[in-house]
Protein backbone atom coordinates (compact mmCIF):
# COMPACT_ATOMS: atom_id res chain seq x y z
CA MET A 1 26.16 6.43 7.58
CA ASN A 2 28.21 5.34 4.59
CA PRO A 3 28.12 7.72 1.60
CA ILE A 4 26.27 6.73 -1.57
CA SER A 5 28.36 6.59 -4.73
CA GLY A 6 27.21 7.64 -8.18
CA ARG A 7 25.25 10.56 -9.62
CA ALA A 8 21.90 12.09 -8.74
CA LEU A 9 19.70 14.18 -10.99
CA VAL A 10 17.53 17.02 -9.64
CA VAL A 11 14.82 18.20 -12.04
CA GLU A 12 13.33 21.29 -10.41
CA ASP A 13 12.56 24.79 -11.69
CA ASP A 14 12.50 26.49 -8.27
CA HIS A 15 15.94 27.78 -7.27
CA SER A 16 15.35 27.36 -3.52
CA TRP A 17 14.35 23.73 -3.91
CA GLN A 18 17.30 23.16 -6.23
CA GLN A 19 19.61 24.31 -3.44
CA ILE A 20 17.89 22.27 -0.71
CA LEU A 21 17.85 19.01 -2.69
CA SER A 22 21.34 19.31 -4.19
CA GLU A 23 22.81 20.12 -0.76
CA ILE A 24 21.25 17.03 0.86
CA LEU A 25 22.21 14.72 -2.00
CA ALA A 26 25.77 16.04 -2.13
CA ASP A 27 26.13 15.56 1.64
CA MET A 28 25.12 11.92 1.10
CA GLY A 29 28.06 11.45 -1.28
CA LEU A 30 26.31 11.79 -4.63
CA ALA A 31 27.52 13.93 -7.52
CA VAL A 32 24.52 16.11 -8.36
CA ASP A 33 23.30 17.38 -11.73
CA VAL A 34 20.67 20.12 -11.45
CA VAL A 35 18.34 21.04 -14.33
CA GLY A 36 15.13 23.03 -14.57
CA SER A 37 13.23 21.72 -17.60
CA TYR A 38 12.22 18.58 -19.47
CA GLU A 39 14.63 19.34 -22.32
CA GLU A 40 17.56 19.85 -19.93
CA ALA A 41 16.64 16.64 -18.09
CA VAL A 42 16.72 14.63 -21.33
CA ALA A 43 20.14 16.09 -22.16
CA ALA A 44 21.45 15.22 -18.67
CA LEU A 45 20.13 11.66 -18.97
CA ARG A 46 21.96 11.26 -22.29
CA ALA A 47 25.16 12.69 -20.87
CA ALA A 48 25.61 10.33 -17.89
CA PRO A 49 23.90 7.51 -15.96
CA HIS A 50 22.27 8.39 -12.64
CA ARG A 51 21.54 6.34 -9.58
CA VAL A 52 18.57 8.40 -8.37
CA ALA A 53 16.53 11.31 -9.68
CA VAL A 54 14.33 13.77 -7.78
CA VAL A 55 11.74 15.21 -10.14
CA ASP A 56 9.27 18.05 -9.62
CA LEU A 57 5.86 17.62 -11.25
CA SER A 58 5.43 21.17 -12.55
CA LEU A 59 8.51 22.54 -14.30
CA THR A 60 7.24 26.06 -14.85
CA SER A 61 6.25 28.47 -12.08
CA ARG A 62 3.84 30.22 -14.45
CA ASP A 63 1.64 27.15 -14.94
CA HIS A 64 0.63 25.01 -11.95
CA HIS A 65 -1.16 22.64 -14.35
CA ASN A 66 2.13 21.78 -16.02
CA GLN A 67 3.04 18.09 -15.63
CA ASP A 68 6.34 17.91 -17.47
CA GLY A 69 7.68 15.95 -14.51
CA LEU A 70 5.70 12.93 -15.70
CA ARG A 71 7.41 13.26 -19.09
CA VAL A 72 10.75 13.27 -17.27
CA LEU A 73 9.77 10.05 -15.45
CA ASP A 74 8.99 8.42 -18.79
CA ALA A 75 12.30 9.63 -20.23
CA ILE A 76 14.17 8.13 -17.26
CA ARG A 77 12.44 4.80 -17.82
CA ARG A 78 13.45 4.85 -21.50
CA GLN A 79 16.98 6.25 -21.33
CA ASP A 80 18.28 5.35 -17.86
CA PRO A 81 16.22 2.38 -16.55
CA ASP A 82 18.68 1.73 -13.71
CA CYS A 83 17.94 5.18 -12.28
CA THR A 84 15.32 5.26 -9.50
CA PRO A 85 13.12 8.39 -9.72
CA VAL A 86 11.27 10.11 -6.87
CA LEU A 87 8.49 12.60 -7.63
CA LEU A 88 8.50 15.62 -5.30
CA THR A 89 5.72 18.14 -5.81
CA GLY A 90 3.40 20.64 -4.21
CA PHE A 91 0.51 19.92 -6.56
CA ALA A 92 -0.09 16.16 -6.48
CA THR A 93 -3.55 14.73 -5.89
CA VAL A 94 -3.85 11.17 -4.62
CA GLU A 95 -4.85 9.96 -8.07
CA LEU A 96 -1.86 11.67 -9.68
CA ALA A 97 0.52 10.26 -7.08
CA VAL A 98 -0.78 6.74 -7.70
CA SER A 99 -0.50 7.30 -11.46
CA ALA A 100 3.11 8.47 -11.09
CA ILE A 101 4.01 5.32 -9.16
CA THR A 102 2.06 2.73 -11.16
CA GLY A 103 2.02 4.32 -14.61
CA HIS A 104 5.30 6.25 -14.78
CA ALA A 105 7.53 4.03 -12.60
CA ALA A 106 8.22 6.56 -9.84
CA TYR A 107 9.64 4.96 -6.71
CA THR A 108 7.34 7.11 -4.58
CA CYS A 109 5.69 10.53 -4.51
CA LEU A 110 6.52 13.09 -1.82
CA ARG A 111 4.72 16.34 -1.11
CA LYS A 112 6.75 19.49 -0.59
CA GLU A 113 4.49 20.69 2.21
CA ALA A 114 5.31 17.52 4.20
CA PHE A 115 9.04 17.47 3.33
CA ARG A 116 11.38 16.38 6.12
CA ARG A 117 15.13 16.18 5.56
CA SER A 118 15.64 13.05 7.68
CA GLU A 119 12.83 11.15 5.93
CA PHE A 120 14.11 12.31 2.55
CA ARG A 121 17.63 11.07 3.29
CA GLU A 122 16.34 7.65 4.34
CA LEU A 123 14.11 7.51 1.27
CA ILE A 124 17.04 8.28 -1.05
CA ARG A 125 19.11 5.52 0.58
CA ARG A 126 16.32 3.01 -0.05
CA ALA A 127 15.69 4.32 -3.56
CA ALA A 128 19.39 3.99 -4.41
CA ALA A 129 19.30 0.36 -3.28
CA ALA A 130 16.03 -0.47 -5.04
CA PRO A 131 15.93 -2.68 -8.15
CA PRO A 132 14.81 -1.04 -11.41
CA ALA A 133 11.04 -0.69 -11.83
CA PRO A 134 9.35 -3.09 -14.29
CA ALA A 135 8.93 -1.67 -17.78
CA THR A 136 5.21 -2.37 -17.94
CA PRO A 137 3.36 -2.43 -14.62
CA ALA A 138 0.53 -4.87 -14.17
CA THR A 139 -3.00 -3.55 -13.82
CA THR A 140 -4.67 -5.74 -11.22
CA PRO A 141 -3.67 -6.01 -7.54
CA ALA A 142 -2.64 -9.50 -6.47
CA GLY A 143 -5.38 -11.43 -4.74
CA VAL A 144 -8.07 -8.86 -5.60
CA PRO A 145 -10.05 -9.92 -8.68
CA ARG A 146 -11.22 -6.97 -10.75
CA ARG A 147 -15.00 -6.68 -10.77
CA ALA A 148 -17.32 -5.41 -13.44
CA ASP A 149 -18.52 -1.86 -12.76
CA SER A 150 -22.01 -3.13 -12.09
CA GLU A 151 -20.70 -5.28 -9.25
CA ALA A 152 -18.60 -2.61 -7.56
CA PRO A 153 -20.07 -1.16 -4.36
CA ALA A 154 -20.47 2.59 -4.00
CA ALA A 155 -17.31 2.97 -1.94
CA ASN A 156 -17.08 6.71 -2.43
CA SER A 157 -20.11 7.29 -0.22
CA PRO A 158 -18.78 8.08 3.28
CA PRO A 159 -20.10 5.89 6.09
CA GLU A 160 -22.36 7.42 8.69
CA THR A 161 -19.69 7.04 11.39
CA LYS A 162 -15.94 7.18 11.00
CA SER A 163 -14.11 3.87 11.22
CA GLN A 164 -10.62 4.01 12.68
CA VAL A 165 -8.08 2.47 10.29
CA LEU A 166 -4.49 1.71 11.25
CA ILE A 167 -1.89 2.36 8.52
CA VAL A 168 1.53 0.79 9.03
CA GLU A 169 3.83 2.06 6.26
CA ASP A 170 7.41 3.37 6.49
CA ASP A 171 7.36 5.19 3.14
CA ALA A 172 6.11 8.76 3.63
CA GLY A 173 4.70 8.96 0.12
CA TRP A 174 2.66 5.77 0.40
CA ARG A 175 1.63 6.65 3.95
CA GLY A 176 0.16 9.91 2.65
CA ILE A 177 -1.59 8.25 -0.30
CA LEU A 178 -3.28 5.61 1.86
CA ALA A 179 -4.27 8.11 4.55
CA GLU A 180 -5.84 10.46 2.04
CA LEU A 181 -7.75 7.67 0.27
CA LEU A 182 -9.18 6.53 3.61
CA ALA A 183 -10.03 10.07 4.72
CA GLU A 184 -11.77 10.79 1.42
CA SER A 185 -13.96 7.72 2.00
CA GLY A 186 -15.01 9.05 5.40
CA HIS A 187 -12.71 6.99 7.62
CA ARG A 188 -10.22 8.11 10.27
CA PRO A 189 -6.67 7.03 9.37
CA TRP A 190 -4.04 6.47 12.07
CA PRO A 191 -0.71 6.44 10.17
CA CYS A 192 2.47 5.05 11.72
CA SER A 193 5.78 3.85 10.31
CA SER A 194 7.07 1.02 12.52
CA TYR A 195 6.09 -2.12 14.38
CA GLY A 196 6.67 -0.41 17.72
CA GLU A 197 4.29 2.43 16.87
CA ALA A 198 1.72 -0.02 15.50
CA LEU A 199 1.85 -2.25 18.56
CA GLY A 200 1.36 0.71 20.88
CA LEU A 201 -1.67 1.89 18.90
CA LEU A 202 -3.15 -1.62 18.81
CA LEU A 203 -2.85 -1.79 22.59
CA ARG A 204 -4.43 1.65 23.15
CA GLU A 205 -7.02 2.02 20.40
CA ARG A 206 -9.80 0.02 18.75
CA PHE A 207 -9.43 -0.29 14.98
CA ALA A 208 -11.97 -1.52 12.45
CA LEU A 209 -9.27 -2.25 9.85
CA ALA A 210 -5.49 -2.35 9.42
CA VAL A 211 -3.55 -1.54 6.23
CA VAL A 212 -0.02 -2.94 6.47
CA ASP A 213 3.19 -2.90 4.43
CA LEU A 214 5.31 -6.03 4.87
CA SER A 215 8.72 -4.40 4.60
CA LEU A 216 9.27 -1.77 7.27
CA ALA A 217 12.71 -0.18 7.25
CA SER A 218 14.38 0.45 10.60
CA PRO A 219 17.82 1.63 11.79
CA GLY A 220 18.66 -1.94 12.85
CA SER A 221 17.99 -3.46 9.42
CA PRO A 222 17.21 -0.71 6.92
CA GLY A 223 17.30 -2.91 3.82
CA ASP A 224 15.44 -6.08 4.67
CA ASN A 225 13.27 -5.44 7.72
CA LEU A 226 10.04 -7.45 7.61
CA ASP A 227 8.37 -6.22 10.77
CA GLY A 228 5.12 -5.98 8.81
CA TYR A 229 4.69 -9.72 9.40
CA ARG A 230 4.78 -9.09 13.14
CA VAL A 231 2.02 -6.51 12.69
CA LEU A 232 -0.01 -9.14 10.80
CA GLU A 233 0.39 -11.50 13.76
CA SER A 234 -0.92 -8.82 16.11
CA SER A 235 -3.87 -7.87 13.89
CA ARG A 236 -4.79 -11.53 13.41
CA SER A 237 -4.68 -12.24 17.14
CA THR A 238 -6.96 -9.27 17.85
CA GLY A 239 -9.38 -10.14 15.03
CA ILE A 240 -8.84 -6.95 12.99
CA PRO A 241 -9.45 -7.35 9.23
CA THR A 242 -6.19 -6.55 7.46
CA ILE A 243 -5.27 -5.41 3.95
CA VAL A 244 -1.66 -5.73 2.83
CA VAL A 245 -0.23 -3.07 0.48
CA SER A 246 3.33 -4.13 -0.31
CA GLY A 247 6.09 -4.10 -2.87
CA ILE A 248 6.67 -7.81 -2.20
CA ALA A 249 4.85 -9.42 -5.11
CA SER A 250 5.99 -13.03 -5.59
CA THR A 251 3.14 -15.52 -5.98
CA ALA A 252 4.54 -17.78 -3.27
CA GLU A 253 4.75 -14.93 -0.76
CA VAL A 254 1.24 -13.69 -1.53
CA GLU A 255 -0.16 -17.19 -1.01
CA HIS A 256 1.86 -17.58 2.19
CA VAL A 257 0.52 -14.33 3.66
CA TYR A 258 -3.08 -15.26 2.84
CA ALA A 259 -2.72 -18.72 4.35
CA GLU A 260 -0.63 -17.88 7.40
CA TYR A 261 -2.06 -14.52 8.49
CA GLU A 262 -5.66 -14.74 7.25
CA ILE A 263 -5.58 -11.29 5.62
CA PHE A 264 -8.58 -9.86 3.82
CA ALA A 265 -6.79 -8.68 0.64
CA TYR A 266 -3.34 -8.12 -0.85
CA PHE A 267 -2.40 -5.18 -3.12
CA GLU A 268 0.91 -4.93 -4.95
CA LYS A 269 2.32 -1.41 -4.93
CA GLN A 270 3.55 -1.90 -8.47
CA ALA A 271 -0.05 -2.37 -9.64
CA PHE A 272 -1.97 -0.34 -7.07
CA ASP A 273 -5.51 0.61 -8.10
CA SER A 274 -7.04 3.28 -5.86
CA ALA A 275 -10.64 2.50 -6.88
CA ALA A 276 -10.19 -1.21 -6.12
CA PHE A 277 -8.55 -0.28 -2.81
CA ARG A 278 -11.53 1.89 -1.82
CA ASP A 279 -13.96 -0.90 -2.75
CA THR A 280 -11.98 -3.48 -0.79
CA VAL A 281 -11.82 -1.25 2.28
CA ALA A 282 -15.60 -0.84 2.12
CA GLU A 283 -16.08 -4.63 1.85
CA ALA A 284 -13.70 -5.37 4.74
CA LEU A 285 -15.41 -2.85 6.99
CA ALA A 286 -18.89 -4.01 6.01
CA LEU A 287 -17.96 -7.57 6.90
CA GLY A 288 -17.11 -6.58 10.46
CA GLN A 289 -20.01 -4.20 11.08
CA ALA A 290 -23.24 -5.02 12.93
CA LEU A 291 -21.97 -8.36 14.23
CA THR A 292 -23.36 -9.26 17.63
CA GLY A 293 -23.54 -12.30 19.87
CA GLU A 294 -21.64 -15.38 18.75
CA LEU A 295 -20.83 -13.90 15.33
CA ALA A 296 -18.74 -11.22 17.04
CA THR A 297 -16.40 -13.97 18.29
CA LEU A 298 -15.44 -15.06 14.76
CA THR A 299 -12.19 -13.91 13.19
CA PRO A 300 -12.33 -12.04 9.85
CA ARG A 301 -11.21 -15.19 8.01
CA GLU A 302 -13.80 -17.32 9.82
CA LEU A 303 -16.46 -14.82 8.75
CA GLU A 304 -15.29 -15.18 5.14
CA VAL A 305 -15.47 -18.98 5.37
CA LEU A 306 -18.92 -18.77 6.97
CA ARG A 307 -20.16 -16.40 4.26
CA MET A 308 -18.96 -18.71 1.48
CA THR A 309 -20.42 -21.72 3.26
CA ALA A 310 -23.79 -19.93 3.38
CA GLN A 311 -23.46 -19.31 -0.36
CA GLY A 312 -23.17 -23.06 -0.91
CA LEU A 313 -19.47 -23.26 -1.82
CA THR A 314 -17.62 -26.52 -1.18
CA ASN A 315 -14.47 -26.76 0.91
CA LYS A 316 -12.43 -27.01 -2.28
CA GLU A 317 -14.06 -23.89 -3.75
CA ILE A 318 -13.56 -21.93 -0.52
CA ALA A 319 -9.91 -22.97 -0.39
CA ALA A 320 -9.35 -21.80 -3.97
CA ALA A 321 -11.14 -18.48 -3.40
CA LEU A 322 -9.19 -17.66 -0.22
CA VAL A 323 -5.85 -19.10 -1.39
CA ILE A 324 -5.65 -21.56 1.51
CA THR A 325 -5.58 -25.35 1.83
CA ILE A 326 -8.65 -27.55 2.22
CA ASN A 327 -7.36 -28.63 5.65
CA THR A 328 -7.26 -24.97 6.69
CA VAL A 329 -10.88 -24.57 5.57
CA LYS A 330 -11.83 -27.61 7.67
CA ARG A 331 -10.01 -26.15 10.66
CA HIS A 332 -11.89 -22.87 10.27
CA LEU A 333 -15.22 -24.71 9.99
CA LYS A 334 -14.49 -26.67 13.16
CA SER A 335 -13.81 -23.42 14.99
CA ILE A 336 -16.93 -21.81 13.52
CA PHE A 337 -19.13 -24.75 14.58
CA GLY A 338 -17.77 -24.52 18.11
CA LYS A 339 -18.31 -20.77 18.41
CA LEU A 340 -21.81 -20.94 16.92
CA ASP A 341 -22.69 -24.10 18.91
CA VAL A 342 -23.79 -26.04 15.81
CA ASN A 343 -22.76 -29.36 14.28
CA THR A 344 -23.53 -28.99 10.56
CA ARG A 345 -22.80 -26.69 7.64
CA ALA A 346 -26.52 -26.20 7.11
CA ALA A 347 -27.03 -24.94 10.67
CA ALA A 348 -24.08 -22.57 10.40
CA ALA A 349 -25.35 -21.32 7.03
CA ALA A 350 -28.80 -20.71 8.52
CA ILE A 351 -27.31 -18.50 11.26
CA ALA A 352 -25.23 -16.63 8.70
CA SER A 353 -28.23 -15.96 6.46
CA SER A 354 -30.38 -14.81 9.36
CA ARG A 355 -27.70 -12.28 10.36
CA GLY A 356 -27.04 -11.00 6.85
CA VAL A 357 -23.63 -12.72 6.46
CA SER A 358 -24.12 -14.12 2.96
């Protein structure tokens, strides 16, 4: 592969990790500055611009609670906003990893115990090509309205049986975050990193939910691969409720994905909220549970339309809530009527209410 030009900054207090990281980065063509403390990192940032930075969370071996790495991330955002930082640590919880990404503008968070040289090299290539992070991240995931605490379901209570959840995400840091969040909620995550892996799993296993990134890097098109859309086609055709977690955040694209692929929810990585994600997973799984007979033939989006119809919403209100057109709502209702063998909204609503879909 072509070498990467520019400088890289390694902020790490452990000598062995300094050697490992600087060797890999230098082999990739980068000039490497290695420092071991927050103060040295600030001085290095003032001395020269950097293309990427690899930052350890704890910058003192005597204190595992030390989080000076987060201060370094903030300093990078202030002093060298064109530098893309990666947090690499042995002490990150899921909540801290999410905070580093959404609150401190880290590109991703990697765990030392899961470190792989090949994945790290590919990650650095993508990080070096990434645009600068926004100065002030948003706080609400796209397409997922924030609820009052009194309305939020108790998503932290594990279900009685484990639901299998497919994760399709090429970034090792995000793959780990999503898998751990799902496991903590009592589900069984099946992580994979490509369309080929995902398709094979969809053919072999039964999943209650899919969590999909839209942009999946691959050797054939490492910068702009959008195989995640192909995964959405597969999950839609098999009737699996799907949540998108993606760095693609334009309003037009979010609306397109809702309308075209009938997804359940869309989270922007730049504004990822782990509590809202847990709640949404619980809602998506609850929607598909205990459905028998004709209701089991409905797609996840048809179930949503049926539920809102039972609540008395008009076609216009359903379209607005699901970010689809009124004609799409009508098409869903026609399909619902056919599958339920009814001719009116009232009859469909009655079936929904009797089965608890309301």
